[in-house]
Structures are given as C-alpha cells and as structure tokens.
Amino acid sequence: MIRVLIADDEALMRTGIRLILEHADDIEVVAEAGDGREAAAACRAHDVDVALLDIQMPVADGIAAAEDITRQSPRTNVVMLTAFGEEASVTRALRAGANGYLLKDTGPTDLIRAVQLAAKGEPVLAPRVTRQLLERHVQSGHGTEAALHRIAELTPAERDVLRLLGTGLSNSEIADQLYLSAGTVKAHISRILTRTGCANRVQAAVLAHDAGLLDGR
C-alpha cells in the first residue's frame, strides 16, 4: 500500500482528496495535517510514502514543510498542491526537494495516477504550468557558471539524458529518444543525481535549465 499524507489548511480540500484517493486499491491515507509543521511531524510518525502539501499553509508553509520532510524523512516523496499562478512558489519548493506539483483542480484519475508515480520516485508535473514555470522562474543566466560546474563530470551520454530529463520526459520516453533501454536510462539518472548532488530528478531538470542544456550548451 502507498501511505499518503494530505496537508492543507482547508478541511474540505483534505476531505475531497481523501475521498478520491480512497477509491484506489493501492493507496491508504494515513494522516492529515492543517499546517506545515504538523505535516512534517506526521511524515516522521506515520512512515509516509507520498506527502501532498498545499503551498499556502499557516504556522509553516508547504515549502518549509518540504525542506523539513526532505531532510528528516528522505524516503517520503513530496508533491506540492498549487493554484495556477503560483509558479514562483513552486520553483522554491522544487529547490527544497519536492518531487513535483499538481494543480488543485487535477481530476480524480490523474490525482491517483500522480500519487502512484510519486511513490516510485517519478516526477509529478502539472503540464499546464510546467513550461511557464521553467521559462519564467528557473534561473537563466544567473547561476549558470555554478550549474555548469555541477555537470562538469557528467559523460556525454549522461548530459544527453539530463537534457531530455529537463524537458519533462519519462524514463521510457528518454529511452526511445536515445535508443537505450529503460534500465540504462534509470542507471544514468542515478549517476547524474549522485554526481550533481540533486535530491531527485525534478531538481536535476531544474539544473539542466540552469546549465543551459536545453539551449544547446
């Protein structure tokens, strides 16, 4: 079973998400929280696989909670719940270690699928805001030198994988593009994370943009 935490300061929103997730045979909502501090504590107490965190919460917001959870509960995959137009906050959350983000109006089927993917460590990125997020808020030019230094030890093959990862492709899609097996792509990504110091593939995607790989550098 995938053990899920729902954190939102609106009880009605938490109830709605719970009702949707309870329709999945492989998902169990083990805890709820109304603020970021409660969310981080609940992840430690309940051995959570996936934490769904609202960005805007009292006491400690979702970004602070993501930082805490990533540091103290590294096995928990964090997914932010966002309203359209909060791209700047989402960027901060990704840099804090979140695995991705969902819009609050995500449909039931997509929400369940997203939790299942997040439990496997796959990125969960709402398509409607992904491109806008990367173009508007991921550093471009600023910090490029530092980003290039972080990818300096990557092999040409690993750079190719990182570039495609930065476009939001899944492992299987990257494998198709580069004529590799999915296992080989997974191994490349594992080495990329280790060599660049990224906590997850979402941070690696941000690094790809910071380093200008999508611009052909």
N, C-alpha and C. Protein backbone atom coordinates (compact mmCIF):
# COMPACT_ATOMS: atom_id res chain seq x y z
N MET A 1 0.83 -1.20 0.00
CA MET A 1 0.00 0.00 0.00
C MET A 1 0.87 1.26 0.00
N ILE A 2 0.42 2.26 -0.73
CA ILE A 2 1.09 3.55 -0.75
C ILE A 2 0.51 4.40 0.38
N ARG A 3 1.36 4.78 1.33
CA ARG A 3 0.92 5.52 2.50
C ARG A 3 1.02 7.02 2.21
N VAL A 4 -0.11 7.72 2.32
CA VAL A 4 -0.19 9.10 1.89
C VAL A 4 -0.55 10.03 3.05
N LEU A 5 0.08 11.20 3.06
CA LEU A 5 -0.29 12.30 3.94
C LEU A 5 -0.91 13.41 3.10
N ILE A 6 -2.00 13.99 3.57
CA ILE A 6 -2.62 15.14 2.91
C ILE A 6 -2.49 16.34 3.85
N ALA A 7 -1.84 17.40 3.39
CA ALA A 7 -1.67 18.60 4.21
C ALA A 7 -2.27 19.81 3.50
N ASP A 8 -3.30 20.38 4.11
CA ASP A 8 -3.97 21.56 3.57
C ASP A 8 -4.71 22.21 4.73
N ASP A 9 -4.69 23.53 4.78
CA ASP A 9 -5.36 24.19 5.89
C ASP A 9 -6.88 24.23 5.73
N GLU A 10 -7.38 23.80 4.57
CA GLU A 10 -8.82 23.74 4.35
C GLU A 10 -9.29 22.30 4.52
N ALA A 11 -10.11 22.07 5.55
CA ALA A 11 -10.58 20.71 5.84
C ALA A 11 -11.37 20.13 4.68
N LEU A 12 -12.11 20.97 3.99
CA LEU A 12 -12.92 20.50 2.86
C LEU A 12 -12.03 19.97 1.74
N MET A 13 -10.91 20.65 1.48
CA MET A 13 -9.98 20.19 0.46
C MET A 13 -9.37 18.85 0.85
N ARG A 14 -8.98 18.72 2.10
CA ARG A 14 -8.41 17.44 2.57
C ARG A 14 -9.41 16.32 2.42
N THR A 15 -10.66 16.58 2.77
CA THR A 15 -11.70 15.56 2.67
C THR A 15 -11.91 15.13 1.22
N GLY A 16 -11.94 16.11 0.31
CA GLY A 16 -12.13 15.79 -1.10
C GLY A 16 -11.02 14.94 -1.66
N ILE A 17 -9.79 15.27 -1.31
CA ILE A 17 -8.64 14.49 -1.79
C ILE A 17 -8.68 13.09 -1.21
N ARG A 18 -9.00 12.99 0.07
CA ARG A 18 -9.08 11.68 0.71
C ARG A 18 -10.12 10.80 0.01
N LEU A 19 -11.28 11.34 -0.27
CA LEU A 19 -12.34 10.56 -0.90
C LEU A 19 -11.91 10.05 -2.27
N ILE A 20 -11.17 10.88 -3.00
CA ILE A 20 -10.67 10.45 -4.32
C ILE A 20 -9.66 9.33 -4.17
N LEU A 21 -8.69 9.51 -3.28
CA LEU A 21 -7.61 8.53 -3.15
C LEU A 21 -8.11 7.21 -2.58
N GLU A 22 -9.16 7.24 -1.77
CA GLU A 22 -9.67 6.01 -1.18
C GLU A 22 -10.31 5.08 -2.20
N HIS A 23 -10.52 5.58 -3.43
CA HIS A 23 -11.05 4.73 -4.49
C HIS A 23 -9.97 3.82 -5.09
N ALA A 24 -8.71 4.14 -4.80
CA ALA A 24 -7.61 3.32 -5.33
C ALA A 24 -7.30 2.19 -4.37
N ASP A 25 -7.16 0.99 -4.90
CA ASP A 25 -6.91 -0.18 -4.05
C ASP A 25 -5.53 -0.18 -3.41
N ASP A 26 -4.59 0.56 -4.01
CA ASP A 26 -3.21 0.51 -3.53
C ASP A 26 -2.79 1.77 -2.76
N ILE A 27 -3.76 2.63 -2.39
CA ILE A 27 -3.44 3.87 -1.68
C ILE A 27 -4.18 3.92 -0.35
N GLU A 28 -3.47 4.31 0.69
CA GLU A 28 -4.07 4.47 2.02
C GLU A 28 -3.67 5.84 2.57
N VAL A 29 -4.66 6.66 2.91
CA VAL A 29 -4.38 7.95 3.54
C VAL A 29 -4.17 7.69 5.03
N VAL A 30 -2.94 7.86 5.49
CA VAL A 30 -2.60 7.50 6.87
C VAL A 30 -2.58 8.70 7.80
N ALA A 31 -2.58 9.93 7.23
CA ALA A 31 -2.53 11.11 8.09
C ALA A 31 -2.99 12.34 7.32
N GLU A 32 -3.48 13.32 8.08
CA GLU A 32 -3.83 14.63 7.54
C GLU A 32 -3.19 15.69 8.42
N ALA A 33 -2.96 16.87 7.85
CA ALA A 33 -2.37 17.97 8.61
C ALA A 33 -2.93 19.28 8.11
N GLY A 34 -3.02 20.25 9.02
CA GLY A 34 -3.56 21.56 8.66
C GLY A 34 -2.51 22.63 8.49
N ASP A 35 -1.25 22.29 8.79
CA ASP A 35 -0.16 23.24 8.58
C ASP A 35 1.13 22.47 8.33
N GLY A 36 2.15 23.20 7.91
CA GLY A 36 3.41 22.55 7.53
C GLY A 36 4.13 21.86 8.66
N ARG A 37 4.05 22.42 9.85
CA ARG A 37 4.72 21.79 10.99
C ARG A 37 4.09 20.45 11.32
N GLU A 38 2.75 20.41 11.32
CA GLU A 38 2.04 19.15 11.56
C GLU A 38 2.38 18.14 10.47
N ALA A 39 2.49 18.61 9.23
CA ALA A 39 2.77 17.71 8.11
C ALA A 39 4.13 17.03 8.27
N ALA A 40 5.15 17.81 8.62
CA ALA A 40 6.49 17.24 8.79
C ALA A 40 6.51 16.23 9.93
N ALA A 41 5.83 16.54 11.02
CA ALA A 41 5.77 15.63 12.16
C ALA A 41 5.03 14.35 11.80
N ALA A 42 3.95 14.49 11.03
CA ALA A 42 3.15 13.32 10.65
C ALA A 42 3.93 12.39 9.74
N CYS A 43 4.78 12.94 8.85
CA CYS A 43 5.60 12.11 7.97
C CYS A 43 6.55 11.25 8.79
N ARG A 44 7.11 11.84 9.83
CA ARG A 44 8.03 11.08 10.68
C ARG A 44 7.29 10.01 11.47
N ALA A 45 6.06 10.33 11.91
CA ALA A 45 5.32 9.42 12.78
C ALA A 45 4.65 8.28 12.03
N HIS A 46 4.30 8.50 10.76
CA HIS A 46 3.46 7.53 10.05
C HIS A 46 4.16 6.85 8.88
N ASP A 47 5.46 7.04 8.72
CA ASP A 47 6.20 6.33 7.67
C ASP A 47 5.53 6.55 6.31
N VAL A 48 5.39 7.82 5.94
CA VAL A 48 4.63 8.22 4.75
C VAL A 48 5.44 8.01 3.48
N ASP A 49 4.79 7.48 2.44
CA ASP A 49 5.43 7.31 1.13
C ASP A 49 5.31 8.57 0.28
N VAL A 50 4.11 9.18 0.29
CA VAL A 50 3.86 10.38 -0.52
C VAL A 50 3.17 11.42 0.35
N ALA A 51 3.74 12.63 0.38
CA ALA A 51 3.13 13.74 1.10
C ALA A 51 2.60 14.75 0.09
N LEU A 52 1.30 15.00 0.13
CA LEU A 52 0.68 16.02 -0.70
C LEU A 52 0.57 17.29 0.13
N LEU A 53 1.30 18.32 -0.24
CA LEU A 53 1.40 19.53 0.57
C LEU A 53 0.85 20.75 -0.15
N ASP A 54 -0.10 21.44 0.48
CA ASP A 54 -0.53 22.73 -0.01
C ASP A 54 0.63 23.72 0.18
N ILE A 55 0.81 24.62 -0.76
CA ILE A 55 1.89 25.60 -0.61
C ILE A 55 1.56 26.62 0.47
N GLN A 56 0.33 27.15 0.44
CA GLN A 56 -0.06 28.20 1.37
C GLN A 56 -0.72 27.58 2.60
N MET A 57 0.04 27.51 3.71
CA MET A 57 -0.49 27.00 4.97
C MET A 57 0.04 27.84 6.12
N PRO A 58 -0.69 27.89 7.24
CA PRO A 58 -0.23 28.66 8.40
C PRO A 58 0.87 27.93 9.17
N VAL A 59 1.43 28.63 10.16
CA VAL A 59 2.48 28.14 11.05
C VAL A 59 3.77 27.89 10.27
N ALA A 60 3.76 26.91 9.39
CA ALA A 60 4.87 26.68 8.46
C ALA A 60 4.24 26.32 7.11
N ASP A 61 4.65 27.00 6.05
CA ASP A 61 4.02 26.75 4.75
C ASP A 61 4.54 25.46 4.13
N GLY A 62 4.02 25.15 2.94
CA GLY A 62 4.39 23.90 2.30
C GLY A 62 5.86 23.82 1.92
N ILE A 63 6.46 24.97 1.62
CA ILE A 63 7.88 24.97 1.25
C ILE A 63 8.74 24.62 2.46
N ALA A 64 8.45 25.23 3.60
CA ALA A 64 9.18 24.91 4.82
C ALA A 64 8.99 23.44 5.18
N ALA A 65 7.76 22.94 4.99
CA ALA A 65 7.48 21.54 5.28
C ALA A 65 8.26 20.62 4.34
N ALA A 66 8.33 21.00 3.05
CA ALA A 66 9.08 20.19 2.09
C ALA A 66 10.54 20.10 2.48
N GLU A 67 11.12 21.21 2.91
CA GLU A 67 12.52 21.20 3.34
C GLU A 67 12.71 20.28 4.53
N ASP A 68 11.79 20.38 5.49
CA ASP A 68 11.88 19.56 6.70
C ASP A 68 11.73 18.08 6.37
N ILE A 69 10.73 17.76 5.56
CA ILE A 69 10.46 16.36 5.21
C ILE A 69 11.62 15.77 4.42
N THR A 70 12.13 16.52 3.45
CA THR A 70 13.25 16.04 2.64
C THR A 70 14.47 15.74 3.51
N ARG A 71 14.67 16.56 4.52
CA ARG A 71 15.83 16.39 5.39
C ARG A 71 15.63 15.27 6.41
N GLN A 72 14.44 15.20 7.03
CA GLN A 72 14.23 14.27 8.12
C GLN A 72 13.52 12.97 7.72
N SER A 73 12.81 12.99 6.61
CA SER A 73 12.10 11.79 6.14
C SER A 73 12.42 11.57 4.66
N PRO A 74 13.67 11.25 4.33
CA PRO A 74 14.11 11.18 2.94
C PRO A 74 13.38 10.14 2.10
N ARG A 75 12.75 9.15 2.72
CA ARG A 75 12.02 8.15 1.94
C ARG A 75 10.67 8.68 1.45
N THR A 76 10.23 9.80 2.01
CA THR A 76 8.94 10.37 1.63
C THR A 76 9.09 11.24 0.39
N ASN A 77 8.27 10.98 -0.62
CA ASN A 77 8.25 11.77 -1.83
C ASN A 77 7.21 12.89 -1.68
N VAL A 78 7.65 14.12 -1.87
CA VAL A 78 6.81 15.29 -1.64
C VAL A 78 6.24 15.82 -2.95
N VAL A 79 4.92 16.04 -2.98
CA VAL A 79 4.25 16.64 -4.12
C VAL A 79 3.48 17.86 -3.63
N MET A 80 3.71 19.01 -4.25
CA MET A 80 3.06 20.24 -3.85
C MET A 80 1.70 20.37 -4.54
N LEU A 81 0.73 20.89 -3.81
CA LEU A 81 -0.58 21.21 -4.36
C LEU A 81 -0.63 22.72 -4.58
N THR A 82 -0.86 23.14 -5.80
CA THR A 82 -0.74 24.56 -6.13
C THR A 82 -1.94 25.07 -6.92
N ALA A 83 -2.20 26.35 -6.77
CA ALA A 83 -3.18 27.02 -7.63
C ALA A 83 -2.44 27.58 -8.83
N PHE A 84 -3.11 27.68 -9.96
CA PHE A 84 -2.46 28.21 -11.15
C PHE A 84 -2.00 29.64 -10.87
N GLY A 85 -0.76 29.95 -11.24
CA GLY A 85 -0.24 31.29 -11.00
C GLY A 85 0.74 31.35 -9.85
N GLU A 86 1.00 30.21 -9.18
CA GLU A 86 1.95 30.18 -8.06
C GLU A 86 3.30 29.61 -8.48
N GLU A 87 3.70 29.85 -9.73
CA GLU A 87 4.89 29.22 -10.25
C GLU A 87 6.15 29.56 -9.46
N ALA A 88 6.26 30.81 -9.00
CA ALA A 88 7.46 31.20 -8.26
C ALA A 88 7.59 30.39 -6.98
N SER A 89 6.47 30.17 -6.29
CA SER A 89 6.50 29.38 -5.07
C SER A 89 6.82 27.92 -5.38
N VAL A 90 6.33 27.43 -6.49
CA VAL A 90 6.61 26.05 -6.88
C VAL A 90 8.11 25.87 -7.12
N THR A 91 8.74 26.83 -7.77
CA THR A 91 10.17 26.75 -8.01
C THR A 91 10.93 26.62 -6.70
N ARG A 92 10.57 27.41 -5.72
CA ARG A 92 11.21 27.33 -4.40
C ARG A 92 11.00 25.95 -3.79
N ALA A 93 9.81 25.40 -3.98
CA ALA A 93 9.51 24.08 -3.42
C ALA A 93 10.35 23.00 -4.09
N LEU A 94 10.52 23.08 -5.40
CA LEU A 94 11.33 22.10 -6.12
C LEU A 94 12.78 22.17 -5.66
N ARG A 95 13.26 23.35 -5.45
CA ARG A 95 14.63 23.50 -4.97
C ARG A 95 14.76 23.01 -3.53
N ALA A 96 13.64 22.98 -2.81
CA ALA A 96 13.64 22.48 -1.43
C ALA A 96 13.59 20.96 -1.38
N GLY A 97 13.36 20.32 -2.54
CA GLY A 97 13.38 18.86 -2.58
C GLY A 97 12.08 18.20 -2.98
N ALA A 98 11.05 18.99 -3.31
CA ALA A 98 9.78 18.39 -3.74
C ALA A 98 9.96 17.63 -5.05
N ASN A 99 9.21 16.53 -5.20
CA ASN A 99 9.29 15.72 -6.43
C ASN A 99 8.43 16.27 -7.56
N GLY A 100 7.57 17.22 -7.25
CA GLY A 100 6.73 17.77 -8.29
C GLY A 100 5.58 18.56 -7.72
N TYR A 101 4.59 18.82 -8.57
CA TYR A 101 3.47 19.66 -8.16
C TYR A 101 2.25 19.31 -8.99
N LEU A 102 1.10 19.51 -8.38
CA LEU A 102 -0.18 19.28 -9.03
C LEU A 102 -1.05 20.51 -8.85
N LEU A 103 -1.85 20.81 -9.85
CA LEU A 103 -2.86 21.85 -9.68
C LEU A 103 -3.99 21.31 -8.82
N LYS A 104 -4.60 22.19 -8.04
CA LYS A 104 -5.66 21.76 -7.13
C LYS A 104 -6.91 21.28 -7.87
N ASP A 105 -7.02 21.63 -9.15
CA ASP A 105 -8.18 21.17 -9.92
C ASP A 105 -7.87 19.91 -10.74
N THR A 106 -6.78 19.21 -10.39
CA THR A 106 -6.44 17.95 -11.06
C THR A 106 -7.59 16.97 -10.92
N GLY A 107 -7.94 16.28 -11.99
CA GLY A 107 -9.03 15.32 -11.97
C GLY A 107 -8.73 14.09 -11.14
N PRO A 108 -9.75 13.38 -10.70
CA PRO A 108 -9.56 12.21 -9.83
C PRO A 108 -8.61 11.15 -10.38
N THR A 109 -8.78 10.77 -11.63
CA THR A 109 -7.92 9.75 -12.22
C THR A 109 -6.48 10.20 -12.27
N ASP A 110 -6.26 11.47 -12.66
CA ASP A 110 -4.90 11.99 -12.74
C ASP A 110 -4.28 12.11 -11.36
N LEU A 111 -5.08 12.45 -10.35
CA LEU A 111 -4.56 12.56 -8.99
C LEU A 111 -4.08 11.20 -8.48
N ILE A 112 -4.88 10.18 -8.69
CA ILE A 112 -4.50 8.84 -8.26
C ILE A 112 -3.23 8.39 -8.98
N ARG A 113 -3.19 8.60 -10.28
CA ARG A 113 -2.01 8.21 -11.06
C ARG A 113 -0.78 8.97 -10.60
N ALA A 114 -0.94 10.23 -10.28
CA ALA A 114 0.18 11.05 -9.83
C ALA A 114 0.76 10.51 -8.52
N VAL A 115 -0.11 10.12 -7.60
CA VAL A 115 0.36 9.57 -6.32
C VAL A 115 1.10 8.26 -6.57
N GLN A 116 0.58 7.43 -7.47
CA GLN A 116 1.24 6.16 -7.78
C GLN A 116 2.62 6.39 -8.39
N LEU A 117 2.74 7.39 -9.26
CA LEU A 117 4.04 7.71 -9.86
C LEU A 117 5.00 8.28 -8.82
N ALA A 118 4.49 9.17 -7.98
CA ALA A 118 5.33 9.79 -6.95
C ALA A 118 5.89 8.75 -6.00
N ALA A 119 5.10 7.73 -5.70
CA ALA A 119 5.55 6.67 -4.79
C ALA A 119 6.75 5.92 -5.37
N LYS A 120 6.88 5.93 -6.70
CA LYS A 120 8.01 5.27 -7.36
C LYS A 120 9.19 6.22 -7.57
N GLY A 121 9.03 7.47 -7.10
CA GLY A 121 10.09 8.44 -7.29
C GLY A 121 10.05 9.14 -8.63
N GLU A 122 8.96 8.93 -9.38
CA GLU A 122 8.82 9.59 -10.68
C GLU A 122 8.39 11.04 -10.48
N PRO A 123 8.78 11.95 -11.37
CA PRO A 123 8.36 13.34 -11.24
C PRO A 123 6.87 13.49 -11.52
N VAL A 124 6.23 14.38 -10.79
CA VAL A 124 4.81 14.65 -10.98
C VAL A 124 4.69 16.13 -11.30
N LEU A 125 4.47 16.46 -12.57
CA LEU A 125 4.49 17.84 -13.01
C LEU A 125 3.21 18.19 -13.76
N ALA A 126 2.47 19.15 -13.24
CA ALA A 126 1.23 19.56 -13.91
C ALA A 126 1.58 20.18 -15.26
N PRO A 127 1.11 19.58 -16.36
CA PRO A 127 1.52 20.05 -17.69
C PRO A 127 1.21 21.51 -17.96
N ARG A 128 0.09 22.02 -17.41
CA ARG A 128 -0.32 23.38 -17.73
C ARG A 128 0.66 24.44 -17.23
N VAL A 129 1.41 24.13 -16.20
CA VAL A 129 2.30 25.14 -15.64
C VAL A 129 3.77 24.81 -15.80
N THR A 130 4.09 23.61 -16.28
CA THR A 130 5.50 23.21 -16.36
C THR A 130 6.31 24.16 -17.22
N ARG A 131 5.88 24.38 -18.45
CA ARG A 131 6.65 25.24 -19.34
C ARG A 131 6.74 26.66 -18.83
N GLN A 132 5.62 27.19 -18.34
CA GLN A 132 5.61 28.55 -17.81
C GLN A 132 6.54 28.66 -16.60
N LEU A 133 6.52 27.66 -15.76
CA LEU A 133 7.38 27.63 -14.58
C LEU A 133 8.85 27.71 -14.99
N LEU A 134 9.25 26.84 -15.90
CA LEU A 134 10.65 26.76 -16.28
C LEU A 134 11.11 28.02 -17.00
N GLU A 135 10.26 28.58 -17.84
CA GLU A 135 10.65 29.75 -18.61
C GLU A 135 10.71 31.01 -17.76
N ARG A 136 9.79 31.13 -16.80
CA ARG A 136 9.70 32.36 -16.02
C ARG A 136 10.59 32.39 -14.81
N HIS A 137 10.67 31.23 -14.11
CA HIS A 137 11.24 31.29 -12.77
C HIS A 137 12.51 30.50 -12.55
N VAL A 138 12.82 29.52 -13.38
CA VAL A 138 14.09 28.82 -13.22
C VAL A 138 15.20 29.77 -13.65
N GLN A 139 16.28 29.83 -12.90
CA GLN A 139 17.34 30.77 -13.20
C GLN A 139 17.84 30.57 -14.61
N SER A 140 18.00 31.65 -15.29
CA SER A 140 18.52 31.62 -16.66
C SER A 140 19.61 32.68 -16.74
N GLY A 141 20.84 32.26 -16.89
CA GLY A 141 21.95 33.20 -16.86
C GLY A 141 22.49 33.32 -15.45
N HIS A 142 21.64 33.61 -14.46
CA HIS A 142 22.08 33.70 -13.08
C HIS A 142 22.41 32.30 -12.59
N GLY A 143 23.61 32.13 -12.08
CA GLY A 143 23.98 30.83 -11.55
C GLY A 143 24.37 29.83 -12.62
N THR A 144 24.46 30.25 -13.89
CA THR A 144 24.82 29.32 -14.95
C THR A 144 26.20 28.74 -14.73
N GLU A 145 27.14 29.57 -14.28
CA GLU A 145 28.51 29.09 -14.05
C GLU A 145 28.53 27.99 -12.99
N ALA A 146 27.78 28.20 -11.92
CA ALA A 146 27.71 27.18 -10.87
C ALA A 146 27.07 25.91 -11.39
N ALA A 147 26.02 26.06 -12.21
CA ALA A 147 25.35 24.89 -12.76
C ALA A 147 26.27 24.11 -13.69
N LEU A 148 27.02 24.83 -14.51
CA LEU A 148 27.97 24.17 -15.42
C LEU A 148 29.04 23.42 -14.63
N HIS A 149 29.46 23.98 -13.51
CA HIS A 149 30.45 23.31 -12.67
C HIS A 149 29.88 22.00 -12.13
N ARG A 150 28.59 22.00 -11.78
CA ARG A 150 27.97 20.80 -11.21
C ARG A 150 27.84 19.68 -12.23
N ILE A 151 27.71 20.01 -13.51
CA ILE A 151 27.56 18.97 -14.52
C ILE A 151 28.88 18.64 -15.22
N ALA A 152 29.96 19.23 -14.76
CA ALA A 152 31.24 19.09 -15.47
C ALA A 152 31.72 17.65 -15.55
N GLU A 153 31.41 16.84 -14.55
CA GLU A 153 31.91 15.47 -14.53
C GLU A 153 30.99 14.49 -15.25
N LEU A 154 29.88 14.94 -15.79
CA LEU A 154 28.97 14.05 -16.50
C LEU A 154 29.55 13.63 -17.84
N THR A 155 29.29 12.40 -18.22
CA THR A 155 29.71 11.92 -19.54
C THR A 155 28.77 12.50 -20.59
N PRO A 156 29.17 12.47 -21.86
CA PRO A 156 28.27 12.95 -22.92
C PRO A 156 26.92 12.25 -22.90
N ALA A 157 26.90 10.94 -22.62
CA ALA A 157 25.64 10.21 -22.57
C ALA A 157 24.77 10.70 -21.42
N GLU A 158 25.40 10.96 -20.28
CA GLU A 158 24.65 11.45 -19.13
C GLU A 158 24.10 12.85 -19.38
N ARG A 159 24.87 13.67 -20.10
CA ARG A 159 24.37 15.01 -20.45
C ARG A 159 23.15 14.91 -21.36
N ASP A 160 23.19 13.96 -22.29
CA ASP A 160 22.04 13.77 -23.18
C ASP A 160 20.80 13.39 -22.38
N VAL A 161 20.99 12.48 -21.42
CA VAL A 161 19.87 12.06 -20.59
C VAL A 161 19.37 13.23 -19.75
N LEU A 162 20.28 14.01 -19.17
CA LEU A 162 19.89 15.15 -18.35
C LEU A 162 19.14 16.18 -19.18
N ARG A 163 19.58 16.40 -20.40
CA ARG A 163 18.90 17.37 -21.27
C ARG A 163 17.45 16.96 -21.52
N LEU A 164 17.23 15.69 -21.82
CA LEU A 164 15.87 15.22 -22.08
C LEU A 164 15.06 15.18 -20.80
N LEU A 165 15.71 14.85 -19.69
CA LEU A 165 15.03 14.87 -18.41
C LEU A 165 14.52 16.29 -18.12
N GLY A 166 15.31 17.28 -18.54
CA GLY A 166 14.92 18.67 -18.33
C GLY A 166 13.70 19.10 -19.10
N THR A 167 13.35 18.35 -20.14
CA THR A 167 12.14 18.66 -20.90
C THR A 167 10.90 18.00 -20.31
N GLY A 168 11.10 17.20 -19.25
CA GLY A 168 9.96 16.56 -18.59
C GLY A 168 9.63 15.17 -19.09
N LEU A 169 10.51 14.58 -19.90
CA LEU A 169 10.24 13.24 -20.43
C LEU A 169 10.39 12.18 -19.34
N SER A 170 9.64 11.10 -19.47
CA SER A 170 9.75 9.97 -18.55
C SER A 170 10.94 9.11 -18.97
N ASN A 171 11.28 8.13 -18.13
CA ASN A 171 12.40 7.23 -18.46
C ASN A 171 12.19 6.53 -19.79
N SER A 172 10.98 6.03 -20.01
CA SER A 172 10.70 5.30 -21.26
C SER A 172 10.79 6.22 -22.47
N GLU A 173 10.35 7.46 -22.32
CA GLU A 173 10.42 8.41 -23.43
C GLU A 173 11.86 8.79 -23.73
N ILE A 174 12.66 8.96 -22.67
CA ILE A 174 14.08 9.24 -22.87
C ILE A 174 14.76 8.05 -23.57
N ALA A 175 14.40 6.85 -23.14
CA ALA A 175 14.97 5.65 -23.75
C ALA A 175 14.65 5.60 -25.24
N ASP A 176 13.42 5.91 -25.61
CA ASP A 176 13.03 5.91 -27.02
C ASP A 176 13.82 6.95 -27.81
N GLN A 177 14.01 8.12 -27.23
CA GLN A 177 14.71 9.21 -27.92
C GLN A 177 16.18 8.85 -28.16
N LEU A 178 16.79 8.18 -27.19
CA LEU A 178 18.24 7.91 -27.27
C LEU A 178 18.56 6.47 -27.68
N TYR A 179 17.52 5.69 -27.99
CA TYR A 179 17.69 4.29 -28.39
C TYR A 179 18.42 3.49 -27.31
N LEU A 180 17.99 3.68 -26.07
CA LEU A 180 18.54 2.96 -24.93
C LEU A 180 17.45 2.15 -24.26
N SER A 181 17.84 1.25 -23.38
CA SER A 181 16.85 0.53 -22.58
C SER A 181 16.43 1.41 -21.41
N ALA A 182 15.24 1.15 -20.88
CA ALA A 182 14.76 1.92 -19.73
C ALA A 182 15.69 1.72 -18.53
N GLY A 183 16.25 0.50 -18.39
CA GLY A 183 17.18 0.23 -17.30
C GLY A 183 18.45 1.07 -17.41
N THR A 184 18.94 1.23 -18.63
CA THR A 184 20.14 2.04 -18.83
C THR A 184 19.87 3.49 -18.49
N VAL A 185 18.70 4.00 -18.89
CA VAL A 185 18.33 5.38 -18.57
C VAL A 185 18.23 5.56 -17.06
N LYS A 186 17.62 4.60 -16.39
CA LYS A 186 17.50 4.67 -14.93
C LYS A 186 18.87 4.72 -14.27
N ALA A 187 19.80 3.92 -14.78
CA ALA A 187 21.16 3.90 -14.23
C ALA A 187 21.86 5.24 -14.47
N HIS A 188 21.67 5.79 -15.67
CA HIS A 188 22.25 7.10 -15.97
C HIS A 188 21.72 8.16 -15.00
N ILE A 189 20.41 8.15 -14.77
CA ILE A 189 19.80 9.15 -13.90
C ILE A 189 20.32 9.00 -12.47
N SER A 190 20.48 7.78 -12.03
CA SER A 190 21.01 7.56 -10.69
C SER A 190 22.42 8.17 -10.56
N ARG A 191 23.26 7.97 -11.58
CA ARG A 191 24.61 8.53 -11.54
C ARG A 191 24.57 10.06 -11.65
N ILE A 192 23.65 10.57 -12.44
CA ILE A 192 23.51 12.02 -12.58
C ILE A 192 23.16 12.65 -11.24
N LEU A 193 22.22 12.06 -10.53
CA LEU A 193 21.83 12.60 -9.22
C LEU A 193 23.00 12.59 -8.26
N THR A 194 23.75 11.50 -8.26
CA THR A 194 24.89 11.39 -7.35
C THR A 194 25.97 12.41 -7.68
N ARG A 195 26.30 12.54 -8.96
CA ARG A 195 27.40 13.41 -9.36
C ARG A 195 27.06 14.89 -9.26
N THR A 196 25.80 15.24 -9.41
CA THR A 196 25.41 16.66 -9.38
C THR A 196 24.90 17.09 -8.01
N GLY A 197 24.66 16.14 -7.11
CA GLY A 197 24.16 16.48 -5.79
C GLY A 197 22.69 16.83 -5.77
N CYS A 198 21.94 16.41 -6.79
CA CYS A 198 20.50 16.66 -6.84
C CYS A 198 19.77 15.62 -5.99
N ALA A 199 18.75 16.07 -5.27
CA ALA A 199 18.00 15.16 -4.41
C ALA A 199 17.06 14.27 -5.21
N ASN A 200 16.60 14.74 -6.37
CA ASN A 200 15.66 13.98 -7.18
C ASN A 200 15.71 14.48 -8.61
N ARG A 201 14.97 13.83 -9.49
CA ARG A 201 15.05 14.16 -10.91
C ARG A 201 14.43 15.51 -11.23
N VAL A 202 13.54 16.00 -10.38
CA VAL A 202 12.99 17.33 -10.62
C VAL A 202 14.07 18.39 -10.42
N GLN A 203 14.85 18.24 -9.35
CA GLN A 203 15.97 19.16 -9.16
C GLN A 203 16.96 19.03 -10.31
N ALA A 204 17.14 17.83 -10.82
CA ALA A 204 18.04 17.64 -11.96
C ALA A 204 17.50 18.36 -13.19
N ALA A 205 16.19 18.35 -13.38
CA ALA A 205 15.58 19.05 -14.51
C ALA A 205 15.82 20.56 -14.39
N VAL A 206 15.69 21.08 -13.18
CA VAL A 206 15.97 22.50 -12.95
C VAL A 206 17.44 22.79 -13.25
N LEU A 207 18.34 21.90 -12.84
CA LEU A 207 19.76 22.07 -13.11
C LEU A 207 20.03 22.09 -14.61
N ALA A 208 19.34 21.24 -15.34
CA ALA A 208 19.52 21.20 -16.80
C ALA A 208 19.21 22.55 -17.42
N HIS A 209 18.14 23.19 -16.90
CA HIS A 209 17.79 24.52 -17.41
C HIS A 209 18.81 25.55 -16.98
N ASP A 210 19.24 25.49 -15.71
CA ASP A 210 20.22 26.44 -15.21
C ASP A 210 21.53 26.36 -16.00
N ALA A 211 21.89 25.13 -16.41
CA ALA A 211 23.15 24.93 -17.13
C ALA A 211 23.03 25.23 -18.62
N GLY A 212 21.84 25.51 -19.09
CA GLY A 212 21.64 25.85 -20.49
C GLY A 212 21.63 24.67 -21.43
N LEU A 213 21.43 23.45 -20.89
CA LEU A 213 21.47 22.27 -21.75
C LEU A 213 20.35 22.28 -22.78
N LEU A 214 19.22 22.88 -22.43
CA LEU A 214 18.11 22.92 -23.37
C LEU A 214 18.31 23.98 -24.44
N ASP A 215 19.36 24.80 -24.23
CA ASP A 215 19.70 25.81 -25.23
C ASP A 215 20.84 25.34 -26.12
N GLY A 216 21.25 24.07 -25.94
CA GLY A 216 22.30 23.51 -26.76
C GLY A 216 23.71 23.75 -26.27
N ARG A 217 23.85 24.17 -24.98
CA ARG A 217 25.20 24.40 -24.45
C ARG A 217 25.87 23.09 -24.10
